[in-house]
């Protein structure tokens, strides 16, 4: 999971961490809890998927 996070551009890392921290605050959990790690994994996956989709659309 952390390898996936550090492979993102700096602005995406900041976006993911900020979003997950906000989610954890709203859901009363810590970022290093099971729920926080799942949220982090999902956020990373969404950013990576979004990046791939954007690249494909530009290639058309």
PDB file of N, CA and C in Angstrom:
ATOM      1  N   UNK A   1       0.819  -1.184   0.000  1.00  0.00           N
ATOM      2  CA  UNK A   1       0.000   0.000   0.000  1.00  0.00           C
ATOM      3  C   UNK A   1       0.868   1.256   0.000  1.00  0.00           C
ATOM      4  N   UNK A   2       1.871   1.304   0.861  1.00  0.00           N
ATOM      5  CA  UNK A   2       2.717   2.493   0.904  1.00  0.00           C
ATOM      6  C   UNK A   2       3.534   2.651  -0.372  1.00  0.00           C
ATOM      7  N   UNK A   3       3.918   1.539  -0.993  1.00  0.00           N
ATOM      8  CA  UNK A   3       4.626   1.636  -2.276  1.00  0.00           C
ATOM      9  C   UNK A   3       3.732   2.278  -3.318  1.00  0.00           C
ATOM     10  N   UNK A   4       2.468   1.925  -3.301  1.00  0.00           N
ATOM     11  CA  UNK A   4       1.523   2.531  -4.236  1.00  0.00           C
ATOM     12  C   UNK A   4       1.377   4.012  -3.967  1.00  0.00           C
ATOM     13  N   UNK A   5       1.364   4.386  -2.694  1.00  0.00           N
ATOM     14  CA  UNK A   5       1.217   5.794  -2.330  1.00  0.00           C
ATOM     15  C   UNK A   5       2.418   6.607  -2.788  1.00  0.00           C
ATOM     16  N   UNK A   6       3.622   6.110  -2.528  1.00  0.00           N
ATOM     17  CA  UNK A   6       4.802   6.900  -2.893  1.00  0.00           C
ATOM     18  C   UNK A   6       5.063   6.911  -4.393  1.00  0.00           C
ATOM     19  N   UNK A   7       4.393   6.037  -5.137  1.00  0.00           N
ATOM     20  CA  UNK A   7       4.554   6.053  -6.588  1.00  0.00           C
ATOM     21  C   UNK A   7       3.705   7.149  -7.240  1.00  0.00           C
ATOM     22  N   UNK A   8       2.792   7.751  -6.458  1.00  0.00           N
ATOM     23  CA  UNK A   8       1.945   8.814  -6.984  1.00  0.00           C
ATOM     24  C   UNK A   8       2.703  10.142  -7.028  1.00  0.00           C
ATOM     25  N   UNK A   9       2.289  11.051  -7.898  1.00  0.00           N
ATOM     26  CA  UNK A   9       2.859  12.403  -7.884  1.00  0.00           C
ATOM     27  C   UNK A   9       2.564  13.079  -6.535  1.00  0.00           C
ATOM     28  N   UNK A  10       3.406  14.017  -6.154  1.00  0.00           N
ATOM     29  CA  UNK A  10       3.270  14.682  -4.852  1.00  0.00           C
ATOM     30  C   UNK A  10       1.875  15.253  -4.619  1.00  0.00           C
ATOM     31  N   UNK A  11       1.298  15.881  -5.628  1.00  0.00           N
ATOM     32  CA  UNK A  11      -0.028  16.489  -5.441  1.00  0.00           C
ATOM     33  C   UNK A  11      -1.088  15.426  -5.187  1.00  0.00           C
ATOM     34  N   UNK A  12      -0.948  14.257  -5.792  1.00  0.00           N
ATOM     35  CA  UNK A  12      -1.899  13.168  -5.559  1.00  0.00           C
ATOM     36  C   UNK A  12      -1.710  12.565  -4.169  1.00  0.00           C
ATOM     37  N   UNK A  13      -0.470  12.472  -3.712  1.00  0.00           N
ATOM     38  CA  UNK A  13      -0.211  11.972  -2.355  1.00  0.00           C
ATOM     39  C   UNK A  13      -0.890  12.886  -1.347  1.00  0.00           C
ATOM     40  N   UNK A  14      -0.721  14.180  -1.523  1.00  0.00           N
ATOM     41  CA  UNK A  14      -1.339  15.149  -0.614  1.00  0.00           C
ATOM     42  C   UNK A  14      -2.861  15.035  -0.650  1.00  0.00           C
ATOM     43  N   UNK A  15      -3.416  14.895  -1.845  1.00  0.00           N
ATOM     44  CA  UNK A  15      -4.859  14.754  -2.009  1.00  0.00           C
ATOM     45  C   UNK A  15      -5.370  13.508  -1.279  1.00  0.00           C
ATOM     46  N   UNK A  16      -4.708  12.385  -1.480  1.00  0.00           N
ATOM     47  CA  UNK A  16      -5.120  11.123  -0.859  1.00  0.00           C
ATOM     48  C   UNK A  16      -5.055  11.221   0.658  1.00  0.00           C
ATOM     49  N   UNK A  17      -3.949  11.708   1.178  1.00  0.00           N
ATOM     50  CA  UNK A  17      -3.781  11.774   2.637  1.00  0.00           C
ATOM     51  C   UNK A  17      -4.795  12.724   3.262  1.00  0.00           C
ATOM     52  N   UNK A  18      -5.005  13.864   2.627  1.00  0.00           N
ATOM     53  CA  UNK A  18      -5.983  14.823   3.145  1.00  0.00           C
ATOM     54  C   UNK A  18      -7.381  14.226   3.145  1.00  0.00           C
ATOM     55  N   UNK A  19      -7.764  13.587   2.043  1.00  0.00           N
ATOM     56  CA  UNK A  19      -9.099  12.993   1.949  1.00  0.00           C
ATOM     57  C   UNK A  19      -9.287  11.889   2.985  1.00  0.00           C
ATOM     58  N   UNK A  20      -8.280  11.056   3.157  1.00  0.00           N
ATOM     59  CA  UNK A  20      -8.401   9.943   4.116  1.00  0.00           C
ATOM     60  C   UNK A  20      -8.417  10.465   5.546  1.00  0.00           C
ATOM     61  N   UNK A  21      -7.620  11.470   5.841  1.00  0.00           N
ATOM     62  CA  UNK A  21      -7.664  12.059   7.191  1.00  0.00           C
ATOM     63  C   UNK A  21      -9.045  12.629   7.487  1.00  0.00           C
ATOM     64  N   UNK A  22      -9.628  13.326   6.507  1.00  0.00           N
ATOM     65  CA  UNK A  22     -10.961  13.882   6.699  1.00  0.00           C
ATOM     66  C   UNK A  22     -11.981  12.750   6.897  1.00  0.00           C
ATOM     67  N   UNK A  23     -11.884  11.704   6.084  1.00  0.00           N
ATOM     68  CA  UNK A  23     -12.794  10.571   6.212  1.00  0.00           C
ATOM     69  C   UNK A  23     -12.660   9.936   7.591  1.00  0.00           C
ATOM     70  N   UNK A  24     -11.427   9.760   8.037  1.00  0.00           N
ATOM     71  CA  UNK A  24     -11.197   9.145   9.351  1.00  0.00           C
ATOM     72  C   UNK A  24     -11.768  10.014  10.474  1.00  0.00           C
ATOM     73  N   UNK A  25     -11.615  11.319  10.360  1.00  0.00           N
ATOM     74  CA  UNK A  25     -12.171  12.227  11.362  1.00  0.00           C
ATOM     75  C   UNK A  25     -13.691  12.112  11.392  1.00  0.00           C
ATOM     76  N   UNK A  26     -14.303  12.099  10.223  1.00  0.00           N
ATOM     77  CA  UNK A  26     -15.764  12.005  10.141  1.00  0.00           C
ATOM     78  C   UNK A  26     -16.277  10.656  10.635  1.00  0.00           C
ATOM     79  N   UNK A  27     -15.454   9.614  10.524  1.00  0.00           N
ATOM     80  CA  UNK A  27     -15.866   8.264  10.912  1.00  0.00           C
ATOM     81  C   UNK A  27     -15.236   7.802  12.218  1.00  0.00           C
ATOM     82  N   UNK A  28     -14.631   8.743  12.932  1.00  0.00           N
ATOM     83  CA  UNK A  28     -14.072   8.496  14.258  1.00  0.00           C
ATOM     84  C   UNK A  28     -13.137   7.278  14.287  1.00  0.00           C
ATOM     85  N   UNK A  29     -12.161   7.305  13.384  1.00  0.00           N
ATOM     86  CA  UNK A  29     -11.155   6.242  13.386  1.00  0.00           C
ATOM     87  C   UNK A  29      -9.785   6.854  13.083  1.00  0.00           C
ATOM     88  N   UNK A  30      -8.762   6.112  13.350  1.00  0.00           N
ATOM     89  CA  UNK A  30      -7.397   6.545  13.079  1.00  0.00           C
ATOM     90  C   UNK A  30      -6.977   6.085  11.693  1.00  0.00           C
ATOM     91  N   UNK A  31      -6.082   6.819  11.070  1.00  0.00           N
ATOM     92  CA  UNK A  31      -5.632   6.466   9.727  1.00  0.00           C
ATOM     93  C   UNK A  31      -4.884   5.130   9.734  1.00  0.00           C
ATOM     94  N   UNK A  32      -4.295   4.755  10.876  1.00  0.00           N
ATOM     95  CA  UNK A  32      -3.567   3.489  10.937  1.00  0.00           C
ATOM     96  C   UNK A  32      -4.425   2.334  11.471  1.00  0.00           C
ATOM     97  N   UNK A  33      -5.737   2.567  11.600  1.00  0.00           N
ATOM     98  CA  UNK A  33      -6.645   1.485  11.987  1.00  0.00           C
ATOM     99  C   UNK A  33      -6.997   0.667  10.745  1.00  0.00           C
ATOM    100  N   UNK A  34      -7.680  -0.444  10.942  1.00  0.00           N
ATOM    101  CA  UNK A  34      -8.111  -1.252   9.797  1.00  0.00           C
ATOM    102  C   UNK A  34      -8.971  -0.438   8.839  1.00  0.00           C
ATOM    103  N   UNK A  35      -9.917   0.335   9.395  1.00  0.00           N
ATOM    104  CA  UNK A  35     -10.792   1.153   8.557  1.00  0.00           C
ATOM    105  C   UNK A  35     -10.002   2.233   7.823  1.00  0.00           C
ATOM    106  N   UNK A  36      -9.068   2.852   8.511  1.00  0.00           N
ATOM    107  CA  UNK A  36      -8.239   3.892   7.896  1.00  0.00           C
ATOM    108  C   UNK A  36      -7.368   3.344   6.784  1.00  0.00           C
ATOM    109  N   UNK A  37      -6.808   2.170   6.998  1.00  0.00           N
ATOM    110  CA  UNK A  37      -5.980   1.541   5.958  1.00  0.00           C
ATOM    111  C   UNK A  37      -6.818   1.153   4.743  1.00  0.00           C
ATOM    112  N   UNK A  38      -8.036   0.680   4.999  1.00  0.00           N
ATOM    113  CA  UNK A  38      -8.920   0.363   3.869  1.00  0.00           C
ATOM    114  C   UNK A  38      -9.284   1.615   3.084  1.00  0.00           C
ATOM    115  N   UNK A  39      -9.551   2.698   3.804  1.00  0.00           N
ATOM    116  CA  UNK A  39      -9.873   3.971   3.135  1.00  0.00           C
ATOM    117  C   UNK A  39      -8.673   4.459   2.328  1.00  0.00           C
ATOM    118  N   UNK A  40      -7.491   4.322   2.877  1.00  0.00           N
ATOM    119  CA  UNK A  40      -6.272   4.735   2.184  1.00  0.00           C
ATOM    120  C   UNK A  40      -6.060   3.902   0.917  1.00  0.00           C
ATOM    121  N   UNK A  41      -6.245   2.601   1.036  1.00  0.00           N
ATOM    122  CA  UNK A  41      -6.095   1.721  -0.129  1.00  0.00           C
ATOM    123  C   UNK A  41      -7.098   2.084  -1.217  1.00  0.00           C
ATOM    124  N   UNK A  42      -8.341   2.309  -0.833  1.00  0.00           N
ATOM    125  CA  UNK A  42      -9.374   2.675  -1.800  1.00  0.00           C
ATOM    126  C   UNK A  42      -9.056   4.015  -2.467  1.00  0.00           C
ATOM    127  N   UNK A  43      -8.625   4.986  -1.681  1.00  0.00           N
ATOM    128  CA  UNK A  43      -8.298   6.305  -2.236  1.00  0.00           C
ATOM    129  C   UNK A  43      -7.140   6.210  -3.232  1.00  0.00           C
ATOM    130  N   UNK A  44      -6.132   5.437  -2.894  1.00  0.00           N
ATOM    131  CA  UNK A  44      -4.992   5.251  -3.805  1.00  0.00           C
ATOM    132  C   UNK A  44      -5.470   4.590  -5.095  1.00  0.00           C
ATOM    133  N   UNK A  45      -6.275   3.553  -4.964  1.00  0.00           N
ATOM    134  CA  UNK A  45      -6.798   2.866  -6.147  1.00  0.00           C
ATOM    135  C   UNK A  45      -7.606   3.811  -7.033  1.00  0.00           C
ATOM    136  N   UNK A  46      -8.435   4.639  -6.415  1.00  0.00           N
ATOM    137  CA  UNK A  46      -9.251   5.577  -7.184  1.00  0.00           C
ATOM    138  C   UNK A  46      -8.398   6.599  -7.924  1.00  0.00           C
ATOM    139  N   UNK A  47      -7.372   7.106  -7.271  1.00  0.00           N
ATOM    140  CA  UNK A  47      -6.489   8.076  -7.923  1.00  0.00           C
ATOM    141  C   UNK A  47      -5.726   7.419  -9.067  1.00  0.00           C
ATOM    142  N   UNK A  48      -5.229   6.204  -8.851  1.00  0.00           N
ATOM    143  CA  UNK A  48      -4.510   5.508  -9.917  1.00  0.00           C
ATOM    144  C   UNK A  48      -5.438   5.193 -11.082  1.00  0.00           C
ATOM    145  N   UNK A  49      -6.650   4.758 -10.806  1.00  0.00           N
ATOM    146  CA  UNK A  49      -7.614   4.458 -11.857  1.00  0.00           C
ATOM    147  C   UNK A  49      -7.961   5.723 -12.633  1.00  0.00           C
ATOM    148  N   UNK A  50      -8.176   6.802 -11.899  1.00  0.00           N
ATOM    149  CA  UNK A  50      -8.508   8.083 -12.527  1.00  0.00           C
ATOM    150  C   UNK A  50      -7.378   8.550 -13.432  1.00  0.00           C
ATOM    151  N   UNK A  51      -6.147   8.375 -13.006  1.00  0.00           N
ATOM    152  CA  UNK A  51      -4.989   8.774 -13.816  1.00  0.00           C
ATOM    153  C   UNK A  51      -4.925   7.956 -15.098  1.00  0.00           C
ATOM    154  N   UNK A  52      -5.163   6.662 -15.004  1.00  0.00           N
ATOM    155  CA  UNK A  52      -5.121   5.800 -16.201  1.00  0.00           C
ATOM    156  C   UNK A  52      -6.245   6.163 -17.159  1.00  0.00           C
ATOM    157  N   UNK A  53      -7.418   6.429 -16.633  1.00  0.00           N
ATOM    158  CA  UNK A  53      -8.562   6.776 -17.467  1.00  0.00           C
ATOM    159  C   UNK A  53      -8.315   8.094 -18.183  1.00  0.00           C
ATOM    160  N   UNK A  54      -7.731   9.059 -17.499  1.00  0.00           N
ATOM    161  CA  UNK A  54      -7.450  10.368 -18.080  1.00  0.00           C
ATOM    162  C   UNK A  54      -6.433  10.235 -19.206  1.00  0.00           C
ATOM    163  N   UNK A  55      -5.402   9.413 -19.005  1.00  0.00           N
ATOM    164  CA  UNK A  55      -4.377   9.213 -20.030  1.00  0.00           C
ATOM    165  C   UNK A  55      -4.999   8.579 -21.262  1.00  0.00           C
ATOM    166  N   UNK A  56      -5.848   7.598 -21.091  1.00  0.00           N
ATOM    167  CA  UNK A  56      -6.500   6.946 -22.222  1.00  0.00           C
ATOM    168  C   UNK A  56      -7.361   7.916 -23.004  1.00  0.00           C
ATOM    169  N   UNK A  57      -8.068   8.786 -22.319  1.00  0.00           N
ATOM    170  CA  UNK A  57      -8.928   9.755 -23.000  1.00  0.00           C
ATOM    171  C   UNK A  57      -8.102  10.749 -23.798  1.00  0.00           C
ATOM    172  N   UNK A  58      -6.947  11.129 -23.294  1.00  0.00           N
ATOM    173  CA  UNK A  58      -6.077  12.058 -24.016  1.00  0.00           C
ATOM    174  C   UNK A  58      -5.516  11.439 -25.281  1.00  0.00           C
ATOM    175  N   UNK A  59      -5.319  10.121 -25.250  1.00  0.00           N
ATOM    176  CA  UNK A  59      -4.733   9.419 -26.403  1.00  0.00           C
ATOM    177  C   UNK A  59      -5.703   9.292 -27.568  1.00  0.00           C
ATOM    178  N   UNK A  60      -6.959   9.474 -27.331  1.00  0.00           N
ATOM    179  CA  UNK A  60      -7.974   9.293 -28.393  1.00  0.00           C
ATOM    180  C   UNK A  60      -7.927  10.376 -29.418  1.00  0.00           C
TER     181      UNK A  60
END
